[in-house]
Amino acid sequence: MSRRGIGLCFVLVCACAAAQDMDHLQIHGFATQGFLYSSNNNYLTMKSGEGSLQWTEGAVSISDAVTDKLRIGMQLHMSQIGDFGGPKLVVDWASGDYTFNDRVGVRVGKIKTPMGLFNDSQDVDSLFVWVLLPQAMYPVDNRDYNLSEMGGEVYGSLDLGTKRGRLHYRGHIGGSVLDENGGYVRQLEQYGMTFPSPPSGKTYGGDVRWATPLEGLTVGSSAISTSVDAAGPMGSVHTPPTLTLGQYAQWDRGKLHLAAEYWRSPLYIVLTYGPMRQVMPLDSRAWYPMVGYDVAKKLQVGTYYSHYVNKTQSTQGFVSYSKDWVISGRYNFNSYFYGKLEGHFLHGTGLGYYQSTNPNGVKPNTKMLAARIGFSF
């Protein structure tokens, strides 16, 4: 979105908020600084082999309850991760939300895309123990594209009874545009593809999750269909509608937090260079188990194992998969400041590595230290 468009959205939200009771106005935000140090390979276009501080993020959100049923809001975001992102402001989301009752509500504008446990919350770093969420499903180099879409959503919940729990649902339809400074566009550039405007396409899908009668246990399933098209001076790219299916479960029991997900996404990328046509099939499978524990009020620890594989390639080759064992800790200094420290043991190069910062190729194994300090309000 242009700066003029961002400014207009912000002014409209502020104007509506000013016309209402200020007690309903909510302003939140965060700022974080990250650090990566890795062996063998550079990660996410950072020069992490030398130790890199090129990871800065910040966001401010404002929302207001215009009436008991209508809420409006937006979030402005800035992110610099290696060569990705930049100093310009991006609208993460900007929407109007009308709730008819507990069973039905509608949301329109630039809405967050529901997929799995964390896709629509990955823009709020303060929620998580982890410096990096499982990259097999929540790749930080493509966060802006995956997070939201321009469109509409119907959502709600149904009470199934005291012994059956509650069912929450969301259905959405809209359009998404690849981030011009994101990972997908960078990968297309490696094939010589550039475009006057970023590739885009239609998006639709849904999410259903069941809050079971067992305290703290939620299980659910997501489905999303996406497509991408664009033409440039060197040719065109086309991906027909692709259906990604995901299943997940989460259990919060006292100080213990458990989660697991499995996603499958078959994809056919068609690159056209004049009369030549190149088809690149993908059949990505991704899963992880995750464990977190609250050691004390201020200290949390956790671990997860993230697994990705492209089944259309030989799974014997390390370029077709990524296996990441992670150990993490977080300390809350006070209500506003926190710090995170995380160790990654990576095997395989299917995710996170780019030729521009690894010109001599990549090695199959990498150890990485990730740290992040943040402020939220």
Protein backbone atom coordinates (compact mmCIF):
# COMPACT_ATOMS: atom_id res chain seq x y z
CA MET A 1 0.00 0.00 0.00
CA SER A 2 1.26 3.51 -0.80
CA ARG A 3 2.17 5.95 1.95
CA ARG A 4 -0.83 8.05 0.96
CA GLY A 5 -3.08 5.03 1.38
CA ILE A 6 -1.51 4.18 4.73
CA GLY A 7 -1.96 7.74 5.93
CA LEU A 8 -5.57 7.84 4.79
CA CYS A 9 -6.40 4.60 6.59
CA PHE A 10 -4.73 5.84 9.74
CA VAL A 11 -6.57 9.18 9.63
CA LEU A 12 -9.92 7.44 9.13
CA VAL A 13 -9.36 5.13 12.07
CA CYS A 14 -8.23 8.00 14.29
CA ALA A 15 -11.20 10.14 13.23
CA CYS A 16 -13.67 7.39 14.07
CA ALA A 17 -11.89 6.76 17.37
CA ALA A 18 -11.96 10.45 18.27
CA ALA A 19 -15.70 10.54 17.76
CA GLN A 20 -16.21 7.79 20.32
CA ASP A 21 -15.68 7.33 24.03
CA MET A 22 -11.89 7.22 24.49
CA ASP A 23 -12.32 4.46 27.06
CA HIS A 24 -12.93 2.08 24.13
CA LEU A 25 -9.79 3.10 22.24
CA GLN A 26 -6.94 0.59 22.31
CA ILE A 27 -3.40 1.33 21.15
CA HIS A 28 -0.76 -1.38 21.23
CA GLY A 29 2.63 -1.88 19.69
CA PHE A 30 6.04 -3.47 19.88
CA ALA A 31 9.64 -3.01 18.83
CA THR A 32 12.23 -5.78 18.63
CA GLN A 33 15.89 -6.21 17.76
CA GLY A 34 17.18 -9.61 16.68
CA PHE A 35 20.58 -11.25 16.29
CA LEU A 36 21.63 -14.36 14.35
CA TYR A 37 24.92 -16.24 14.39
CA SER A 38 25.31 -19.43 12.37
CA SER A 39 27.95 -21.93 11.32
CA ASN A 40 28.63 -22.96 7.70
CA ASN A 41 25.78 -21.07 6.00
CA ASN A 42 24.19 -17.62 6.01
CA TYR A 43 20.51 -17.69 6.93
CA LEU A 44 17.57 -15.57 5.69
CA THR A 45 19.87 -13.33 3.56
CA MET A 46 21.67 -12.12 6.71
CA LYS A 47 25.43 -12.48 7.03
CA SER A 48 24.75 -14.67 10.02
CA GLY A 49 28.03 -16.53 9.59
CA GLU A 50 29.72 -13.38 10.89
CA GLY A 51 26.94 -12.59 13.37
CA SER A 52 24.22 -10.24 12.16
CA LEU A 53 22.04 -7.62 13.83
CA GLN A 54 20.15 -6.91 10.60
CA TRP A 55 16.79 -7.88 12.07
CA THR A 56 14.62 -5.02 13.32
CA GLU A 57 10.84 -4.93 13.63
CA GLY A 58 8.20 -2.61 14.97
CA ALA A 59 4.45 -2.16 14.77
CA VAL A 60 1.64 -0.01 16.14
CA SER A 61 -2.02 -1.01 16.15
CA ILE A 62 -5.07 1.10 16.97
CA SER A 63 -8.62 -0.16 17.34
CA ASP A 64 -11.88 1.24 18.61
CA ALA A 65 -15.32 -0.07 19.51
CA VAL A 66 -17.54 2.26 17.48
CA THR A 67 -20.65 0.53 18.89
CA ASP A 68 -21.29 -2.59 20.95
CA LYS A 69 -21.27 -4.60 17.72
CA LEU A 70 -18.86 -2.69 15.44
CA ARG A 71 -15.09 -2.47 15.89
CA ILE A 72 -12.56 -0.92 13.52
CA GLY A 73 -8.79 -0.99 13.57
CA MET A 74 -5.50 -1.30 11.74
CA GLN A 75 -1.83 -2.13 12.28
CA LEU A 76 1.20 -0.46 10.71
CA HIS A 77 4.35 -2.53 10.56
CA MET A 78 8.02 -2.08 9.65
CA SER A 79 10.46 -4.97 9.29
CA GLN A 80 14.05 -5.38 8.11
CA ILE A 81 15.34 -8.96 8.01
CA GLY A 82 18.54 -9.15 6.00
CA ASP A 83 17.64 -8.06 2.47
CA PHE A 84 13.92 -8.52 3.15
CA GLY A 85 11.53 -5.73 4.04
CA GLY A 86 12.86 -2.22 4.52
CA PRO A 87 12.15 1.08 6.24
CA LYS A 88 8.75 1.65 4.62
CA LEU A 89 5.55 1.13 6.58
CA VAL A 90 3.25 -1.74 5.63
CA VAL A 91 -0.40 -2.17 6.60
CA ASP A 92 -0.52 -5.59 8.25
CA TRP A 93 -4.28 -5.42 8.60
CA ALA A 94 -7.02 -2.78 8.47
CA SER A 95 -10.60 -3.90 8.88
CA GLY A 96 -14.10 -3.32 10.13
CA ASP A 97 -15.63 -6.03 12.29
CA TYR A 98 -19.37 -6.38 12.93
CA THR A 99 -20.68 -9.02 15.35
CA PHE A 100 -24.34 -9.93 15.00
CA ASN A 101 -24.17 -12.34 17.94
CA ASP A 102 -21.92 -15.10 19.31
CA ARG A 103 -22.79 -17.32 16.36
CA VAL A 104 -22.15 -14.94 13.43
CA GLY A 105 -19.86 -12.00 12.68
CA VAL A 106 -18.34 -10.45 9.55
CA ARG A 107 -15.00 -8.76 8.94
CA VAL A 108 -13.98 -6.82 5.78
CA GLY A 109 -10.86 -4.97 4.63
CA LYS A 110 -7.31 -6.25 4.84
CA ILE A 111 -8.03 -9.20 7.08
CA LYS A 112 -5.75 -11.72 8.75
CA THR A 113 -5.68 -15.12 7.06
CA PRO A 114 -6.62 -18.05 9.33
CA MET A 115 -4.34 -21.03 8.76
CA GLY A 116 -3.14 -23.38 11.45
CA LEU A 117 -2.47 -22.35 15.02
CA PHE A 118 -0.31 -19.27 14.55
CA ASN A 119 -0.58 -17.79 11.06
CA ASP A 120 -2.86 -14.92 12.06
CA SER A 121 -0.94 -14.18 15.27
CA GLN A 122 2.64 -14.44 14.02
CA ASP A 123 2.86 -10.63 13.76
CA VAL A 124 2.83 -10.33 17.58
CA ASP A 125 6.26 -11.48 18.78
CA SER A 126 5.44 -10.92 22.45
CA LEU A 127 2.96 -13.84 22.42
CA PHE A 128 5.61 -16.50 21.91
CA VAL A 129 8.55 -18.11 23.67
CA TRP A 130 10.19 -18.64 20.29
CA VAL A 131 12.51 -16.31 18.41
CA LEU A 132 11.48 -18.12 15.22
CA LEU A 133 8.26 -20.09 14.86
CA PRO A 134 8.59 -23.40 12.95
CA GLN A 135 9.83 -22.23 9.56
CA ALA A 136 8.32 -25.24 7.82
CA MET A 137 4.92 -23.53 8.23
CA TYR A 138 5.54 -19.93 9.31
CA PRO A 139 8.50 -18.73 7.18
CA VAL A 140 9.55 -15.30 8.38
CA ASP A 141 10.88 -14.39 4.90
CA ASN A 142 7.30 -14.60 3.56
CA ARG A 143 5.39 -13.46 6.64
CA ASP A 144 3.73 -10.41 5.04
CA TYR A 145 2.23 -12.46 2.20
CA ASN A 146 0.99 -15.27 4.42
CA LEU A 147 -0.39 -13.06 7.20
CA SER A 148 -3.26 -11.25 5.49
CA GLU A 149 -5.39 -10.68 2.40
CA MET A 150 -7.76 -8.08 0.98
CA GLY A 151 -11.27 -9.46 1.31
CA GLY A 152 -13.92 -10.56 3.73
CA GLU A 153 -14.56 -13.13 6.41
CA VAL A 154 -17.49 -14.75 8.20
CA TYR A 155 -16.79 -16.14 11.66
CA GLY A 156 -18.52 -17.29 14.80
CA SER A 157 -18.88 -20.05 17.37
CA LEU A 158 -21.43 -22.65 18.36
CA ASP A 159 -22.00 -23.97 21.86
CA LEU A 160 -22.17 -27.77 21.69
CA GLY A 161 -23.14 -28.22 25.32
CA THR A 162 -21.25 -28.55 28.59
CA LYS A 163 -20.04 -32.06 27.75
CA ARG A 164 -19.23 -31.37 24.08
CA GLY A 165 -17.31 -28.12 24.14
CA ARG A 166 -17.53 -25.27 21.65
CA LEU A 167 -16.96 -25.06 17.89
CA HIS A 168 -15.29 -21.98 16.35
CA TYR A 169 -15.36 -21.37 12.59
CA ARG A 170 -13.96 -18.88 10.07
CA GLY A 171 -14.50 -18.67 6.31
CA HIS A 172 -12.73 -16.12 4.12
CA ILE A 173 -12.27 -15.00 0.50
CA GLY A 174 -10.05 -12.33 -1.01
CA GLY A 175 -6.86 -11.60 -2.87
CA SER A 176 -3.18 -11.71 -1.89
CA VAL A 177 -0.10 -10.03 -3.34
CA LEU A 178 3.43 -11.34 -2.97
CA ASP A 179 5.66 -9.05 -0.94
CA GLU A 180 7.96 -7.34 -3.46
CA ASN A 181 10.79 -7.58 -0.90
CA GLY A 182 9.89 -11.09 0.29
CA GLY A 183 11.30 -14.56 -0.14
CA TYR A 184 8.99 -15.82 -2.91
CA VAL A 185 9.85 -12.88 -5.17
CA ARG A 186 13.55 -13.35 -4.38
CA GLN A 187 13.34 -17.00 -5.42
CA LEU A 188 11.68 -16.04 -8.72
CA GLU A 189 14.48 -13.55 -9.34
CA GLN A 190 16.94 -16.45 -9.12
CA TYR A 191 15.17 -17.84 -12.22
CA GLY A 192 15.54 -14.50 -14.02
CA MET A 193 11.95 -13.44 -13.40
CA THR A 194 11.22 -9.80 -12.56
CA PHE A 195 7.85 -8.04 -12.66
CA PRO A 196 6.63 -4.42 -12.88
CA SER A 197 4.19 -5.24 -10.07
CA PRO A 198 4.35 -8.19 -7.64
CA PRO A 199 2.55 -11.45 -8.55
CA SER A 200 -0.92 -11.80 -7.05
CA GLY A 201 -3.94 -14.09 -7.01
CA LYS A 202 -7.16 -15.17 -5.35
CA THR A 203 -7.31 -16.66 -1.86
CA TYR A 204 -10.13 -18.45 -0.08
CA GLY A 205 -10.49 -21.01 2.66
CA GLY A 206 -11.64 -21.73 6.16
CA ASP A 207 -10.73 -22.89 9.63
CA VAL A 208 -12.70 -24.96 12.15
CA ARG A 209 -11.46 -25.58 15.67
CA TRP A 210 -13.05 -27.48 18.51
CA ALA A 211 -12.55 -26.36 22.10
CA THR A 212 -13.04 -29.78 23.62
CA PRO A 213 -14.61 -30.55 27.00
CA LEU A 214 -11.11 -31.47 28.22
CA GLU A 215 -9.82 -28.26 29.80
CA GLY A 216 -7.22 -26.48 27.66
CA LEU A 217 -7.41 -28.89 24.69
CA THR A 218 -8.19 -27.51 21.20
CA VAL A 219 -8.08 -29.46 17.94
CA GLY A 220 -8.81 -28.15 14.47
CA SER A 221 -8.29 -28.11 10.74
CA SER A 222 -7.58 -25.41 8.16
CA ALA A 223 -7.83 -25.30 4.37
CA ILE A 224 -6.68 -22.54 2.04
CA SER A 225 -6.59 -22.23 -1.75
CA THR A 226 -4.16 -19.76 -3.34
CA SER A 227 -3.10 -18.90 -6.88
CA VAL A 228 -0.47 -16.58 -8.33
CA ASP A 229 -0.06 -14.91 -11.72
CA ALA A 230 2.23 -12.22 -13.13
CA ALA A 231 3.97 -11.25 -16.37
CA GLY A 232 7.27 -9.44 -16.79
CA PRO A 233 9.89 -8.61 -19.43
CA MET A 234 11.50 -12.07 -19.20
CA GLY A 235 8.30 -14.10 -19.11
CA SER A 236 5.45 -15.07 -16.80
CA VAL A 237 4.71 -17.11 -13.72
CA HIS A 238 1.51 -19.05 -13.09
CA THR A 239 0.44 -21.28 -10.22
CA PRO A 240 -3.07 -22.71 -10.55
CA PRO A 241 -5.25 -22.82 -7.42
CA THR A 242 -3.37 -24.81 -4.79
CA LEU A 243 -5.12 -26.36 -1.79
CA THR A 244 -3.15 -26.47 1.45
CA LEU A 245 -4.61 -28.62 4.22
CA GLY A 246 -3.55 -28.44 7.85
CA GLN A 247 -4.47 -30.23 11.05
CA TYR A 248 -3.44 -29.13 14.52
CA ALA A 249 -3.87 -29.63 18.25
CA GLN A 250 -2.98 -27.49 21.27
CA TRP A 251 -3.17 -28.29 24.97
CA ASP A 252 -2.51 -25.76 27.73
CA ARG A 253 -2.53 -27.34 31.17
CA GLY A 254 -1.24 -25.17 33.98
CA LYS A 255 2.44 -24.46 33.35
CA LEU A 256 2.66 -26.99 30.49
CA HIS A 257 1.95 -26.06 26.86
CA LEU A 258 1.82 -28.63 24.05
CA ALA A 259 1.13 -28.14 20.33
CA ALA A 260 1.51 -30.04 17.07
CA GLU A 261 0.63 -29.43 13.40
CA TYR A 262 0.75 -31.18 10.03
CA TRP A 263 0.38 -29.39 6.68
CA ARG A 264 0.43 -30.66 3.10
CA SER A 265 0.63 -28.37 0.07
CA PRO A 266 0.94 -29.69 -3.52
CA LEU A 267 2.03 -26.89 -5.85
CA TYR A 268 2.75 -26.52 -9.58
CA ILE A 269 4.76 -23.48 -10.62
CA VAL A 270 4.78 -22.77 -14.35
CA LEU A 271 7.46 -20.41 -15.68
CA THR A 272 7.16 -19.27 -19.30
CA TYR A 273 10.12 -17.79 -21.18
CA GLY A 274 8.80 -16.88 -24.64
CA PRO A 275 8.06 -20.25 -26.34
CA MET A 276 9.76 -22.18 -23.52
CA ARG A 277 7.80 -23.54 -20.59
CA GLN A 278 9.24 -24.85 -17.33
CA VAL A 279 7.11 -26.71 -14.80
CA MET A 280 8.31 -27.03 -11.20
CA PRO A 281 6.11 -29.36 -9.15
CA LEU A 282 6.24 -29.29 -5.36
CA ASP A 283 4.62 -31.56 -2.81
CA SER A 284 5.57 -30.05 0.52
CA ARG A 285 4.86 -31.88 3.76
CA ALA A 286 5.50 -30.11 7.06
CA TRP A 287 4.97 -31.01 10.70
CA TYR A 288 6.20 -30.26 14.18
CA PRO A 289 5.67 -31.18 17.85
CA MET A 290 6.18 -28.37 20.38
CA VAL A 291 6.56 -28.27 24.17
CA GLY A 292 6.70 -25.20 26.42
CA TYR A 293 6.91 -24.86 30.19
CA ASP A 294 6.57 -21.92 32.60
CA VAL A 295 9.49 -22.40 34.97
CA ALA A 296 8.61 -19.24 36.90
CA LYS A 297 6.48 -16.14 36.44
CA LYS A 298 9.22 -14.46 34.43
CA LEU A 299 10.95 -17.48 32.87
CA GLN A 300 9.66 -19.77 30.11
CA VAL A 301 11.49 -22.54 28.27
CA GLY A 302 10.54 -24.72 25.31
CA THR A 303 11.61 -26.99 22.50
CA TYR A 304 10.25 -28.07 19.12
CA TYR A 305 11.25 -30.13 16.12
CA SER A 306 10.28 -28.70 12.70
CA HIS A 307 10.30 -31.02 9.67
CA TYR A 308 9.83 -30.06 6.00
CA VAL A 309 10.25 -32.21 2.90
CA ASN A 310 9.44 -31.79 -0.80
CA LYS A 311 8.25 -35.22 -1.89
CA THR A 312 8.64 -34.48 -5.62
CA GLN A 313 12.43 -34.48 -5.17
CA SER A 314 14.66 -37.27 -3.98
CA THR A 315 14.41 -37.18 -0.20
CA GLN A 316 18.01 -38.41 -0.09
CA GLY A 317 19.25 -35.00 -1.26
CA PHE A 318 19.64 -32.38 1.47
CA VAL A 319 18.18 -29.64 -0.80
CA SER A 320 14.76 -31.31 -0.60
CA TYR A 321 14.27 -31.11 3.15
CA SER A 322 14.83 -29.09 6.30
CA LYS A 323 14.99 -30.55 9.81
CA ASP A 324 15.30 -28.11 12.68
CA TRP A 325 15.68 -29.03 16.35
CA VAL A 326 15.15 -25.98 18.57
CA ILE A 327 15.75 -25.18 22.25
CA SER A 328 14.47 -21.82 23.47
CA GLY A 329 14.16 -19.66 26.57
CA ARG A 330 12.44 -16.37 27.34
CA TYR A 331 12.80 -14.01 30.28
CA ASN A 332 10.32 -11.21 31.03
CA PHE A 333 12.23 -8.37 32.71
CA ASN A 334 8.96 -6.58 33.50
CA SER A 335 5.55 -6.00 31.95
CA TYR A 336 7.08 -4.27 28.92
CA PHE A 337 10.57 -5.68 28.22
CA TYR A 338 11.56 -9.26 27.44
CA GLY A 339 14.46 -11.20 25.97
CA LYS A 340 14.71 -14.51 24.10
CA LEU A 341 17.61 -16.88 23.40
CA GLU A 342 17.33 -19.84 21.07
CA GLY A 343 19.54 -22.60 19.65
CA HIS A 344 18.85 -24.21 16.25
CA PHE A 345 20.36 -27.43 14.95
CA LEU A 346 19.56 -27.46 11.24
CA HIS A 347 19.97 -30.36 8.83
CA GLY A 348 19.03 -29.93 5.17
CA THR A 349 18.80 -26.76 3.08
CA GLY A 350 15.22 -26.82 1.82
CA LEU A 351 14.29 -23.61 3.67
CA GLY A 352 15.88 -20.32 4.64
CA TYR A 353 18.97 -20.21 2.40
CA TYR A 354 19.53 -17.87 -0.56
CA GLN A 355 22.18 -17.88 -3.26
CA SER A 356 22.87 -14.15 -2.89
CA THR A 357 24.36 -14.64 0.58
CA ASN A 358 25.71 -18.14 -0.04
CA PRO A 359 27.49 -17.69 -3.41
CA ASN A 360 29.76 -20.69 -2.82
CA GLY A 361 26.89 -23.03 -2.10
CA VAL A 362 25.53 -24.37 1.17
CA LYS A 363 26.53 -27.19 3.49
CA PRO A 364 23.94 -29.66 4.79
CA ASN A 365 24.36 -28.90 8.51
CA THR A 366 24.14 -25.59 10.36
CA LYS A 367 24.15 -24.65 14.03
CA MET A 368 22.56 -21.30 14.77
CA LEU A 369 22.14 -19.01 17.76
CA ALA A 370 19.16 -16.64 17.62
CA ALA A 371 18.43 -13.88 20.11
CA ARG A 372 15.78 -11.20 20.36
CA ILE A 373 15.01 -8.40 22.75
CA GLY A 374 11.63 -6.75 22.66
CA PHE A 375 9.43 -4.01 24.06
CA SER A 376 5.64 -4.22 23.90
CA PHE A 377 2.79 -2.12 25.19
